[in-house]
Amino acid sequence: MIALVATRSYFWAMRAVGVKVLKNKLSEYLRLAAGGERVLITDRDRVVAELRAPDVAGVPLSDGLLADAMRQGWVSAPLMTRAEPPARLPVAPTATLLAELAADRGDR
């Protein structure tokens, strides 16, 4: 039964490159990454980074959770953006909030 399984057809080898070689041939590896290939970057035979093309255009890479949620399709990018944030409106006066808090604590 195992002879019917196609070996090595599900996994393809990921390219790995050392830091020194990467510095010398950076543009070549950037072209590979832009073409969809993932490149593992090693330092003393230990993987330290992965070079790949961004999955979603326009997503800030610093916000990893949001970028991952966009890749998964859980959220989408906004259709329109504002130059300034919306105005902050108070929920209630502080005295009202403190009175409600005291009333809630008094019920316990």
PDB file of N, CA and C in Angstrom:
ATOM      1  N   MET A   1       0.815  -1.189   0.000  1.00  0.00           N
ATOM      2  CA  MET A   1       0.000   0.000   0.000  1.00  0.00           C
ATOM      3  C   MET A   1       0.866   1.263   0.000  1.00  0.00           C
ATOM      4  N   ILE A   2       1.991   1.208   0.691  1.00  0.00           N
ATOM      5  CA  ILE A   2       2.865   2.378   0.739  1.00  0.00           C
ATOM      6  C   ILE A   2       3.485   2.667  -0.619  1.00  0.00           C
ATOM      7  N   ALA A   3       3.562   1.671  -1.476  1.00  0.00           N
ATOM      8  CA  ALA A   3       4.138   1.879  -2.807  1.00  0.00           C
ATOM      9  C   ALA A   3       3.237   2.746  -3.671  1.00  0.00           C
ATOM     10  N   LEU A   4       1.965   2.904  -3.307  1.00  0.00           N
ATOM     11  CA  LEU A   4       1.043   3.715  -4.091  1.00  0.00           C
ATOM     12  C   LEU A   4       1.112   5.197  -3.748  1.00  0.00           C
ATOM     13  N   VAL A   5       1.865   5.540  -2.714  1.00  0.00           N
ATOM     14  CA  VAL A   5       1.975   6.927  -2.289  1.00  0.00           C
ATOM     15  C   VAL A   5       3.106   7.605  -3.051  1.00  0.00           C
ATOM     16  N   ALA A   6       2.829   8.776  -3.559  1.00  0.00           N
ATOM     17  CA  ALA A   6       3.854   9.541  -4.278  1.00  0.00           C
ATOM     18  C   ALA A   6       4.766  10.211  -3.266  1.00  0.00           C
ATOM     19  N   THR A   7       5.972   9.736  -3.160  1.00  0.00           N
ATOM     20  CA  THR A   7       6.894  10.318  -2.190  1.00  0.00           C
ATOM     21  C   THR A   7       7.440  11.629  -2.695  1.00  0.00           C
ATOM     22  N   ARG A   8       7.671  12.552  -1.792  1.00  0.00           N
ATOM     23  CA  ARG A   8       8.266  13.857  -2.044  1.00  0.00           C
ATOM     24  C   ARG A   8       7.451  14.729  -2.992  1.00  0.00           C
ATOM     25  N   SER A   9       6.206  14.347  -3.274  1.00  0.00           N
ATOM     26  CA  SER A   9       5.412  15.179  -4.164  1.00  0.00           C
ATOM     27  C   SER A   9       4.644  16.243  -3.395  1.00  0.00           C
ATOM     28  N   TYR A  10       4.508  16.080  -2.097  1.00  0.00           N
ATOM     29  CA  TYR A  10       3.759  17.045  -1.319  1.00  0.00           C
ATOM     30  C   TYR A  10       4.646  18.127  -0.727  1.00  0.00           C
ATOM     31  N   PHE A  11       5.915  17.862  -0.558  1.00  0.00           N
ATOM     32  CA  PHE A  11       6.837  18.804   0.050  1.00  0.00           C
ATOM     33  C   PHE A  11       7.911  19.176  -0.959  1.00  0.00           C
ATOM     34  N   TRP A  12       8.192  20.448  -1.066  1.00  0.00           N
ATOM     35  CA  TRP A  12       9.280  20.877  -1.921  1.00  0.00           C
ATOM     36  C   TRP A  12      10.328  21.517  -1.038  1.00  0.00           C
ATOM     37  N   ALA A  13      11.535  21.367  -1.438  1.00  0.00           N
ATOM     38  CA  ALA A  13      12.639  21.859  -0.627  1.00  0.00           C
ATOM     39  C   ALA A  13      12.635  23.378  -0.599  1.00  0.00           C
ATOM     40  N   MET A  14      12.806  23.939   0.592  1.00  0.00           N
ATOM     41  CA  MET A  14      12.894  25.376   0.739  1.00  0.00           C
ATOM     42  C   MET A  14      14.375  25.761   0.650  1.00  0.00           C
ATOM     43  N   ARG A  15      14.652  26.803  -0.063  1.00  0.00           N
ATOM     44  CA  ARG A  15      16.034  27.240  -0.252  1.00  0.00           C
ATOM     45  C   ARG A  15      16.557  27.856   1.048  1.00  0.00           C
ATOM     46  N   ALA A  16      17.792  27.531   1.399  1.00  0.00           N
ATOM     47  CA  ALA A  16      18.444  28.103   2.577  1.00  0.00           C
ATOM     48  C   ALA A  16      19.745  28.756   2.140  1.00  0.00           C
ATOM     49  N   VAL A  17      20.056  29.883   2.769  1.00  0.00           N
ATOM     50  CA  VAL A  17      21.261  30.618   2.402  1.00  0.00           C
ATOM     51  C   VAL A  17      21.883  31.211   3.668  1.00  0.00           C
ATOM     52  N   GLY A  18      23.200  31.219   3.724  1.00  0.00           N
ATOM     53  CA  GLY A  18      23.910  31.823   4.843  1.00  0.00           C
ATOM     54  C   GLY A  18      23.928  33.335   4.729  1.00  0.00           C
ATOM     55  N   VAL A  19      24.165  33.982   5.859  1.00  0.00           N
ATOM     56  CA  VAL A  19      24.152  35.443   5.898  1.00  0.00           C
ATOM     57  C   VAL A  19      25.206  36.033   4.962  1.00  0.00           C
ATOM     58  N   LYS A  20      26.387  35.455   4.939  1.00  0.00           N
ATOM     59  CA  LYS A  20      27.473  35.990   4.105  1.00  0.00           C
ATOM     60  C   LYS A  20      27.115  35.914   2.622  1.00  0.00           C
ATOM     61  N   VAL A  21      26.576  34.788   2.192  1.00  0.00           N
ATOM     62  CA  VAL A  21      26.180  34.639   0.785  1.00  0.00           C
ATOM     63  C   VAL A  21      25.006  35.556   0.471  1.00  0.00           C
ATOM     64  N   LEU A  22      24.087  35.690   1.417  1.00  0.00           N
ATOM     65  CA  LEU A  22      22.932  36.567   1.207  1.00  0.00           C
ATOM     66  C   LEU A  22      23.384  38.011   0.992  1.00  0.00           C
ATOM     67  N   LYS A  23      24.348  38.473   1.768  1.00  0.00           N
ATOM     68  CA  LYS A  23      24.848  39.836   1.589  1.00  0.00           C
ATOM     69  C   LYS A  23      25.457  40.021   0.215  1.00  0.00           C
ATOM     70  N   ASN A  24      26.156  39.018  -0.283  1.00  0.00           N
ATOM     71  CA  ASN A  24      26.816  39.136  -1.587  1.00  0.00           C
ATOM     72  C   ASN A  24      25.841  39.037  -2.755  1.00  0.00           C
ATOM     73  N   LYS A  25      24.738  38.305  -2.586  1.00  0.00           N
ATOM     74  CA  LYS A  25      23.788  38.088  -3.675  1.00  0.00           C
ATOM     75  C   LYS A  25      22.378  38.502  -3.284  1.00  0.00           C
ATOM     76  N   LEU A  26      22.250  39.601  -2.571  1.00  0.00           N
ATOM     77  CA  LEU A  26      20.964  40.020  -2.042  1.00  0.00           C
ATOM     78  C   LEU A  26      19.912  40.210  -3.130  1.00  0.00           C
ATOM     79  N   SER A  27      20.264  40.881  -4.219  1.00  0.00           N
ATOM     80  CA  SER A  27      19.274  41.155  -5.270  1.00  0.00           C
ATOM     81  C   SER A  27      18.749  39.859  -5.881  1.00  0.00           C
ATOM     82  N   GLU A  28      19.595  38.846  -6.005  1.00  0.00           N
ATOM     83  CA  GLU A  28      19.146  37.561  -6.550  1.00  0.00           C
ATOM     84  C   GLU A  28      18.101  36.923  -5.634  1.00  0.00           C
ATOM     85  N   TYR A  29      18.357  36.940  -4.331  1.00  0.00           N
ATOM     86  CA  TYR A  29      17.425  36.324  -3.393  1.00  0.00           C
ATOM     87  C   TYR A  29      16.153  37.151  -3.230  1.00  0.00           C
ATOM     88  N   LEU A  30      16.261  38.458  -3.401  1.00  0.00           N
ATOM     89  CA  LEU A  30      15.053  39.289  -3.384  1.00  0.00           C
ATOM     90  C   LEU A  30      14.161  38.974  -4.579  1.00  0.00           C
ATOM     91  N   ARG A  31      14.756  38.736  -5.737  1.00  0.00           N
ATOM     92  CA  ARG A  31      13.960  38.352  -6.916  1.00  0.00           C
ATOM     93  C   ARG A  31      13.277  37.012  -6.695  1.00  0.00           C
ATOM     94  N   LEU A  32      13.981  36.063  -6.070  1.00  0.00           N
ATOM     95  CA  LEU A  32      13.365  34.767  -5.774  1.00  0.00           C
ATOM     96  C   LEU A  32      12.181  34.932  -4.828  1.00  0.00           C
ATOM     97  N   ALA A  33      12.362  35.757  -3.796  1.00  0.00           N
ATOM     98  CA  ALA A  33      11.284  35.975  -2.827  1.00  0.00           C
ATOM     99  C   ALA A  33      10.102  36.683  -3.482  1.00  0.00           C
ATOM    100  N   ALA A  34      10.382  37.654  -4.330  1.00  0.00           N
ATOM    101  CA  ALA A  34       9.306  38.360  -5.023  1.00  0.00           C
ATOM    102  C   ALA A  34       8.537  37.420  -5.944  1.00  0.00           C
ATOM    103  N   GLY A  35       9.204  36.382  -6.438  1.00  0.00           N
ATOM    104  CA  GLY A  35       8.551  35.402  -7.299  1.00  0.00           C
ATOM    105  C   GLY A  35       7.762  34.347  -6.525  1.00  0.00           C
ATOM    106  N   GLY A  36       7.733  34.469  -5.204  1.00  0.00           N
ATOM    107  CA  GLY A  36       6.913  33.551  -4.414  1.00  0.00           C
ATOM    108  C   GLY A  36       7.694  32.482  -3.666  1.00  0.00           C
ATOM    109  N   GLU A  37       9.001  32.432  -3.857  1.00  0.00           N
ATOM    110  CA  GLU A  37       9.794  31.417  -3.160  1.00  0.00           C
ATOM    111  C   GLU A  37      10.168  31.913  -1.772  1.00  0.00           C
ATOM    112  N   ARG A  38      10.197  31.001  -0.813  1.00  0.00           N
ATOM    113  CA  ARG A  38      10.618  31.332   0.546  1.00  0.00           C
ATOM    114  C   ARG A  38      12.071  30.925   0.714  1.00  0.00           C
ATOM    115  N   VAL A  39      12.844  31.807   1.303  1.00  0.00           N
ATOM    116  CA  VAL A  39      14.271  31.574   1.488  1.00  0.00           C
ATOM    117  C   VAL A  39      14.572  31.630   2.980  1.00  0.00           C
ATOM    118  N   LEU A  40      15.136  30.552   3.515  1.00  0.00           N
ATOM    119  CA  LEU A  40      15.542  30.532   4.910  1.00  0.00           C
ATOM    120  C   LEU A  40      16.933  31.133   5.023  1.00  0.00           C
ATOM    121  N   ILE A  41      17.129  32.018   5.978  1.00  0.00           N
ATOM    122  CA  ILE A  41      18.422  32.653   6.192  1.00  0.00           C
ATOM    123  C   ILE A  41      19.044  32.022   7.425  1.00  0.00           C
ATOM    124  N   THR A  42      20.269  31.529   7.261  1.00  0.00           N
ATOM    125  CA  THR A  42      20.936  30.836   8.356  1.00  0.00           C
ATOM    126  C   THR A  42      22.172  31.600   8.808  1.00  0.00           C
ATOM    127  N   ASP A  43      22.489  31.418  10.077  1.00  0.00           N
ATOM    128  CA  ASP A  43      23.717  31.963  10.655  1.00  0.00           C
ATOM    129  C   ASP A  43      24.351  30.846  11.465  1.00  0.00           C
ATOM    130  N   ARG A  44      25.478  30.370  11.005  1.00  0.00           N
ATOM    131  CA  ARG A  44      26.176  29.236  11.621  1.00  0.00           C
ATOM    132  C   ARG A  44      25.273  28.001  11.681  1.00  0.00           C
ATOM    133  N   ASP A  45      24.662  27.690  10.546  1.00  0.00           N
ATOM    134  CA  ASP A  45      23.793  26.521  10.362  1.00  0.00           C
ATOM    135  C   ASP A  45      22.563  26.532  11.264  1.00  0.00           C
ATOM    136  N   ARG A  46      22.114  27.706  11.675  1.00  0.00           N
ATOM    137  CA  ARG A  46      20.896  27.836  12.468  1.00  0.00           C
ATOM    138  C   ARG A  46      19.998  28.847  11.767  1.00  0.00           C
ATOM    139  N   VAL A  47      18.744  28.476  11.530  1.00  0.00           N
ATOM    140  CA  VAL A  47      17.813  29.363  10.833  1.00  0.00           C
ATOM    141  C   VAL A  47      17.490  30.546  11.742  1.00  0.00           C
ATOM    142  N   VAL A  48      17.699  31.754  11.221  1.00  0.00           N
ATOM    143  CA  VAL A  48      17.461  32.963  11.999  1.00  0.00           C
ATOM    144  C   VAL A  48      16.360  33.843  11.402  1.00  0.00           C
ATOM    145  N   ALA A  49      16.017  33.625  10.145  1.00  0.00           N
ATOM    146  CA  ALA A  49      14.997  34.452   9.510  1.00  0.00           C
ATOM    147  C   ALA A  49      14.464  33.741   8.273  1.00  0.00           C
ATOM    148  N   GLU A  50      13.372  34.293   7.745  1.00  0.00           N
ATOM    149  CA  GLU A  50      12.771  33.775   6.517  1.00  0.00           C
ATOM    150  C   GLU A  50      12.473  34.960   5.613  1.00  0.00           C
ATOM    151  N   LEU A  51      12.891  34.865   4.377  1.00  0.00           N
ATOM    152  CA  LEU A  51      12.674  35.919   3.400  1.00  0.00           C
ATOM    153  C   LEU A  51      11.582  35.456   2.447  1.00  0.00           C
ATOM    154  N   ARG A  52      10.512  36.252   2.346  1.00  0.00           N
ATOM    155  CA  ARG A  52       9.414  35.902   1.452  1.00  0.00           C
ATOM    156  C   ARG A  52       8.678  37.159   1.043  1.00  0.00           C
ATOM    157  N   ALA A  53       7.880  37.056   0.019  1.00  0.00           N
ATOM    158  CA  ALA A  53       7.082  38.191  -0.437  1.00  0.00           C
ATOM    159  C   ALA A  53       5.918  38.400   0.525  1.00  0.00           C
ATOM    160  N   PRO A  54       5.473  39.635   0.705  1.00  0.00           N
ATOM    161  CA  PRO A  54       4.313  39.866   1.571  1.00  0.00           C
ATOM    162  C   PRO A  54       3.068  39.229   0.966  1.00  0.00           C
ATOM    163  N   ASP A  55       2.213  38.697   1.836  1.00  0.00           N
ATOM    164  CA  ASP A  55       1.001  38.025   1.365  1.00  0.00           C
ATOM    165  C   ASP A  55      -0.104  39.001   0.989  1.00  0.00           C
ATOM    166  N   VAL A  56      -0.238  40.073   1.738  1.00  0.00           N
ATOM    167  CA  VAL A  56      -1.318  41.022   1.504  1.00  0.00           C
ATOM    168  C   VAL A  56      -0.707  42.391   1.235  1.00  0.00           C
ATOM    169  N   ALA A  57      -1.074  43.001   0.130  1.00  0.00           N
ATOM    170  CA  ALA A  57      -0.518  44.311  -0.224  1.00  0.00           C
ATOM    171  C   ALA A  57      -1.129  45.389   0.657  1.00  0.00           C
ATOM    172  N   GLY A  58      -0.306  46.326   1.062  1.00  0.00           N
ATOM    173  CA  GLY A  58      -0.793  47.463   1.823  1.00  0.00           C
ATOM    174  C   GLY A  58      -0.924  47.236   3.314  1.00  0.00           C
ATOM    175  N   VAL A  59      -0.533  46.087   3.813  1.00  0.00           N
ATOM    176  CA  VAL A  59      -0.641  45.811   5.234  1.00  0.00           C
ATOM    177  C   VAL A  59       0.665  46.174   5.912  1.00  0.00           C
ATOM    178  N   PRO A  60       0.601  46.966   6.987  1.00  0.00           N
ATOM    179  CA  PRO A  60       1.850  47.260   7.686  1.00  0.00           C
ATOM    180  C   PRO A  60       2.422  45.986   8.295  1.00  0.00           C
ATOM    181  N   LEU A  61       3.675  45.692   7.987  1.00  0.00           N
ATOM    182  CA  LEU A  61       4.279  44.449   8.445  1.00  0.00           C
ATOM    183  C   LEU A  61       4.533  44.442   9.947  1.00  0.00           C
ATOM    184  N   SER A  62       4.542  45.610  10.582  1.00  0.00           N
ATOM    185  CA  SER A  62       4.792  45.647  12.016  1.00  0.00           C
ATOM    186  C   SER A  62       3.606  45.113  12.802  1.00  0.00           C
ATOM    187  N   ASP A  63       2.430  45.147  12.239  1.00  0.00           N
ATOM    188  CA  ASP A  63       1.246  44.651  12.933  1.00  0.00           C
ATOM    189  C   ASP A  63       0.977  43.217  12.491  1.00  0.00           C
ATOM    190  N   GLY A  64       1.695  42.298  13.087  1.00  0.00           N
ATOM    191  CA  GLY A  64       1.641  40.902  12.663  1.00  0.00           C
ATOM    192  C   GLY A  64       0.291  40.246  12.844  1.00  0.00           C
ATOM    193  N   LEU A  65      -0.409  40.532  13.932  1.00  0.00           N
ATOM    194  CA  LEU A  65      -1.705  39.903  14.163  1.00  0.00           C
ATOM    195  C   LEU A  65      -2.723  40.345  13.118  1.00  0.00           C
ATOM    196  N   LEU A  66      -2.719  41.625  12.811  1.00  0.00           N
ATOM    197  CA  LEU A  66      -3.647  42.128  11.796  1.00  0.00           C
ATOM    198  C   LEU A  66      -3.307  41.557  10.429  1.00  0.00           C
ATOM    199  N   ALA A  67      -2.029  41.500  10.096  1.00  0.00           N
ATOM    200  CA  ALA A  67      -1.620  40.941   8.810  1.00  0.00           C
ATOM    201  C   ALA A  67      -2.013  39.471   8.711  1.00  0.00           C
ATOM    202  N   ASP A  68      -1.842  38.727   9.794  1.00  0.00           N
ATOM    203  CA  ASP A  68      -2.225  37.319   9.784  1.00  0.00           C
ATOM    204  C   ASP A  68      -3.734  37.172   9.637  1.00  0.00           C
ATOM    205  N   ALA A  69      -4.506  38.011  10.316  1.00  0.00           N
ATOM    206  CA  ALA A  69      -5.964  37.961  10.198  1.00  0.00           C
ATOM    207  C   ALA A  69      -6.399  38.279   8.769  1.00  0.00           C
ATOM    208  N   MET A  70      -5.693  39.194   8.105  1.00  0.00           N
ATOM    209  CA  MET A  70      -6.031  39.511   6.713  1.00  0.00           C
ATOM    210  C   MET A  70      -5.694  38.336   5.795  1.00  0.00           C
ATOM    211  N   ARG A  71      -4.545  37.666   6.044  1.00  0.00           N
ATOM    212  CA  ARG A  71      -4.180  36.506   5.237  1.00  0.00           C
ATOM    213  C   ARG A  71      -5.191  35.382   5.399  1.00  0.00           C
ATOM    214  N   GLN A  72      -5.707  35.219   6.611  1.00  0.00           N
ATOM    215  CA  GLN A  72      -6.684  34.168   6.874  1.00  0.00           C
ATOM    216  C   GLN A  72      -8.066  34.531   6.315  1.00  0.00           C
ATOM    217  N   GLY A  73      -8.288  35.801   5.979  1.00  0.00           N
ATOM    218  CA  GLY A  73      -9.571  36.228   5.446  1.00  0.00           C
ATOM    219  C   GLY A  73     -10.568  36.605   6.529  1.00  0.00           C
ATOM    220  N   TRP A  74     -10.115  36.762   7.767  1.00  0.00           N
ATOM    221  CA  TRP A  74     -11.026  37.113   8.862  1.00  0.00           C
ATOM    222  C   TRP A  74     -11.422  38.576   8.803  1.00  0.00           C
ATOM    223  N   VAL A  75     -10.512  39.424   8.349  1.00  0.00           N
ATOM    224  CA  VAL A  75     -10.785  40.857   8.202  1.00  0.00           C
ATOM    225  C   VAL A  75     -10.285  41.297   6.842  1.00  0.00           C
ATOM    226  N   SER A  76     -10.760  42.439   6.399  1.00  0.00           N
ATOM    227  CA  SER A  76     -10.289  42.974   5.128  1.00  0.00           C
ATOM    228  C   SER A  76      -9.822  44.406   5.339  1.00  0.00           C
ATOM    229  N   ALA A  77      -9.051  44.896   4.398  1.00  0.00           N
ATOM    230  CA  ALA A  77      -8.531  46.254   4.488  1.00  0.00           C
ATOM    231  C   ALA A  77      -9.664  47.252   4.328  1.00  0.00           C
ATOM    232  N   PRO A  78      -9.563  48.432   4.938  1.00  0.00           N
ATOM    233  CA  PRO A  78     -10.625  49.436   4.802  1.00  0.00           C
ATOM    234  C   PRO A  78     -10.708  49.939   3.369  1.00  0.00           C
ATOM    235  N   LEU A  79     -11.923  50.254   2.945  1.00  0.00           N
ATOM    236  CA  LEU A  79     -12.115  50.779   1.597  1.00  0.00           C
ATOM    237  C   LEU A  79     -11.689  52.238   1.504  1.00  0.00           C
ATOM    238  N   MET A  80     -11.883  52.994   2.604  1.00  0.00           N
ATOM    239  CA  MET A  80     -11.498  54.404   2.647  1.00  0.00           C
ATOM    240  C   MET A  80     -10.725  54.649   3.936  1.00  0.00           C
ATOM    241  N   THR A  81      -9.804  55.577   3.905  1.00  0.00           N
ATOM    242  CA  THR A  81      -9.062  55.940   5.103  1.00  0.00           C
ATOM    243  C   THR A  81      -9.193  57.435   5.345  1.00  0.00           C
ATOM    244  N   ARG A  82      -9.030  57.847   6.608  1.00  0.00           N
ATOM    245  CA  ARG A  82      -9.099  59.262   6.971  1.00  0.00           C
ATOM    246  C   ARG A  82      -7.696  59.793   7.217  1.00  0.00           C
ATOM    247  N   ALA A  83      -7.542  61.086   7.037  1.00  0.00           N
ATOM    248  CA  ALA A  83      -6.254  61.715   7.325  1.00  0.00           C
ATOM    249  C   ALA A  83      -6.081  61.904   8.827  1.00  0.00           C
ATOM    250  N   GLU A  84      -7.187  62.198   9.540  1.00  0.00           N
ATOM    251  CA  GLU A  84      -7.113  62.425  10.978  1.00  0.00           C
ATOM    252  C   GLU A  84      -8.056  61.440  11.680  1.00  0.00           C
ATOM    253  N   PRO A  85      -7.794  61.130  12.935  1.00  0.00           N
ATOM    254  CA  PRO A  85      -8.676  60.214  13.663  1.00  0.00           C
ATOM    255  C   PRO A  85     -10.015  60.872  13.963  1.00  0.00           C
ATOM    256  N   PRO A  86     -11.060  60.094  14.221  1.00  0.00           N
ATOM    257  CA  PRO A  86     -12.361  60.692  14.541  1.00  0.00           C
ATOM    258  C   PRO A  86     -12.312  61.429  15.877  1.00  0.00           C
ATOM    259  N   ALA A  87     -13.206  62.369  16.043  1.00  0.00           N
ATOM    260  CA  ALA A  87     -13.253  63.155  17.275  1.00  0.00           C
ATOM    261  C   ALA A  87     -13.631  62.264  18.456  1.00  0.00           C
ATOM    262  N   ARG A  88     -13.001  62.506  19.608  1.00  0.00           N
ATOM    263  CA  ARG A  88     -13.305  61.739  20.817  1.00  0.00           C
ATOM    264  C   ARG A  88     -14.429  62.443  21.562  1.00  0.00           C
ATOM    265  N   LEU A  89     -15.514  61.732  21.769  1.00  0.00           N
ATOM    266  CA  LEU A  89     -16.642  62.279  22.508  1.00  0.00           C
ATOM    267  C   LEU A  89     -16.711  61.587  23.859  1.00  0.00           C
ATOM    268  N   PRO A  90     -16.968  62.344  24.935  1.00  0.00           N
ATOM    269  CA  PRO A  90     -17.047  61.708  26.248  1.00  0.00           C
ATOM    270  C   PRO A  90     -18.279  60.808  26.339  1.00  0.00           C
ATOM    271  N   VAL A  91     -18.136  59.694  27.057  1.00  0.00           N
ATOM    272  CA  VAL A  91     -19.248  58.762  27.245  1.00  0.00           C
ATOM    273  C   VAL A  91     -20.240  59.357  28.234  1.00  0.00           C
ATOM    274  N   ALA A  92     -19.738  59.837  29.340  1.00  0.00           N
ATOM    275  CA  ALA A  92     -20.555  60.465  30.375  1.00  0.00           C
ATOM    276  C   ALA A  92     -19.631  61.298  31.244  1.00  0.00           C
ATOM    277  N   PRO A  93     -20.198  62.254  31.981  1.00  0.00           N
ATOM    278  CA  PRO A  93     -19.351  63.005  32.908  1.00  0.00           C
ATOM    279  C   PRO A  93     -18.769  62.082  33.980  1.00  0.00           C
ATOM    280  N   THR A  94     -17.602  62.437  34.473  1.00  0.00           N
ATOM    281  CA  THR A  94     -16.917  61.608  35.462  1.00  0.00           C
ATOM    282  C   THR A  94     -17.766  61.403  36.707  1.00  0.00           C
ATOM    283  N   ALA A  95     -18.453  62.442  37.158  1.00  0.00           N
ATOM    284  CA  ALA A  95     -19.285  62.333  38.365  1.00  0.00           C
ATOM    285  C   ALA A  95     -20.380  61.283  38.183  1.00  0.00           C
ATOM    286  N   THR A  96     -20.979  61.244  37.000  1.00  0.00           N
ATOM    287  CA  THR A  96     -22.022  60.252  36.727  1.00  0.00           C
ATOM    288  C   THR A  96     -21.448  58.842  36.740  1.00  0.00           C
ATOM    289  N   LEU A  97     -20.293  58.662  36.138  1.00  0.00           N
ATOM    290  CA  LEU A  97     -19.660  57.342  36.113  1.00  0.00           C
ATOM    291  C   LEU A  97     -19.307  56.874  37.518  1.00  0.00           C
ATOM    292  N   LEU A  98     -18.763  57.778  38.343  1.00  0.00           N
ATOM    293  CA  LEU A  98     -18.402  57.416  39.714  1.00  0.00           C
ATOM    294  C   LEU A  98     -19.638  57.089  40.547  1.00  0.00           C
ATOM    295  N   ALA A  99     -20.725  57.819  40.330  1.00  0.00           N
ATOM    296  CA  ALA A  99     -21.968  57.539  41.065  1.00  0.00           C
ATOM    297  C   ALA A  99     -22.514  56.166  40.684  1.00  0.00           C
ATOM    298  N   GLU A 100     -22.480  55.817  39.385  1.00  0.00           N
ATOM    299  CA  GLU A 100     -22.950  54.501  38.946  1.00  0.00           C
ATOM    300  C   GLU A 100     -22.065  53.396  39.504  1.00  0.00           C
ATOM    301  N   LEU A 101     -20.767  53.626  39.560  1.00  0.00           N
ATOM    302  CA  LEU A 101     -19.836  52.647  40.111  1.00  0.00           C
ATOM    303  C   LEU A 101     -20.100  52.427  41.592  1.00  0.00           C
ATOM    304  N   ALA A 102     -20.321  53.511  42.334  1.00  0.00           N
ATOM    305  CA  ALA A 102     -20.620  53.387  43.766  1.00  0.00           C
ATOM    306  C   ALA A 102     -21.932  52.645  43.987  1.00  0.00           C
ATOM    307  N   ALA A 103     -22.920  52.914  43.135  1.00  0.00           N
ATOM    308  CA  ALA A 103     -24.213  52.229  43.272  1.00  0.00           C
ATOM    309  C   ALA A 103     -24.059  50.742  42.990  1.00  0.00           C
ATOM    310  N   ASP A 104     -23.275  50.379  41.984  1.00  0.00           N
ATOM    311  CA  ASP A 104     -23.060  48.969  41.665  1.00  0.00           C
ATOM    312  C   ASP A 104     -22.329  48.266  42.803  1.00  0.00           C
ATOM    313  N   ARG A 105     -21.356  48.923  43.399  1.00  0.00           N
ATOM    314  CA  ARG A 105     -20.609  48.323  44.518  1.00  0.00           C
ATOM    315  C   ARG A 105     -21.483  48.215  45.755  1.00  0.00           C
ATOM    316  N   GLY A 106     -22.407  49.153  45.925  1.00  0.00           N
ATOM    317  CA  GLY A 106     -23.299  49.126  47.080  1.00  0.00           C
ATOM    318  C   GLY A 106     -24.289  47.961  47.028  1.00  0.00           C
ATOM    319  N   ASP A 107     -24.583  47.473  45.809  1.00  0.00           N
ATOM    320  CA  ASP A 107     -25.522  46.346  45.655  1.00  0.00           C
ATOM    321  C   ASP A 107     -24.907  45.036  46.093  1.00  0.00           C
ATOM    322  N   ARG A 108     -23.607  44.951  46.209  1.00  0.00           N
ATOM    323  CA  ARG A 108     -22.947  43.685  46.536  1.00  0.00           C
ATOM    324  C   ARG A 108     -22.908  43.425  47.994  1.00  0.00           C
TER     325      ARG A 108
END
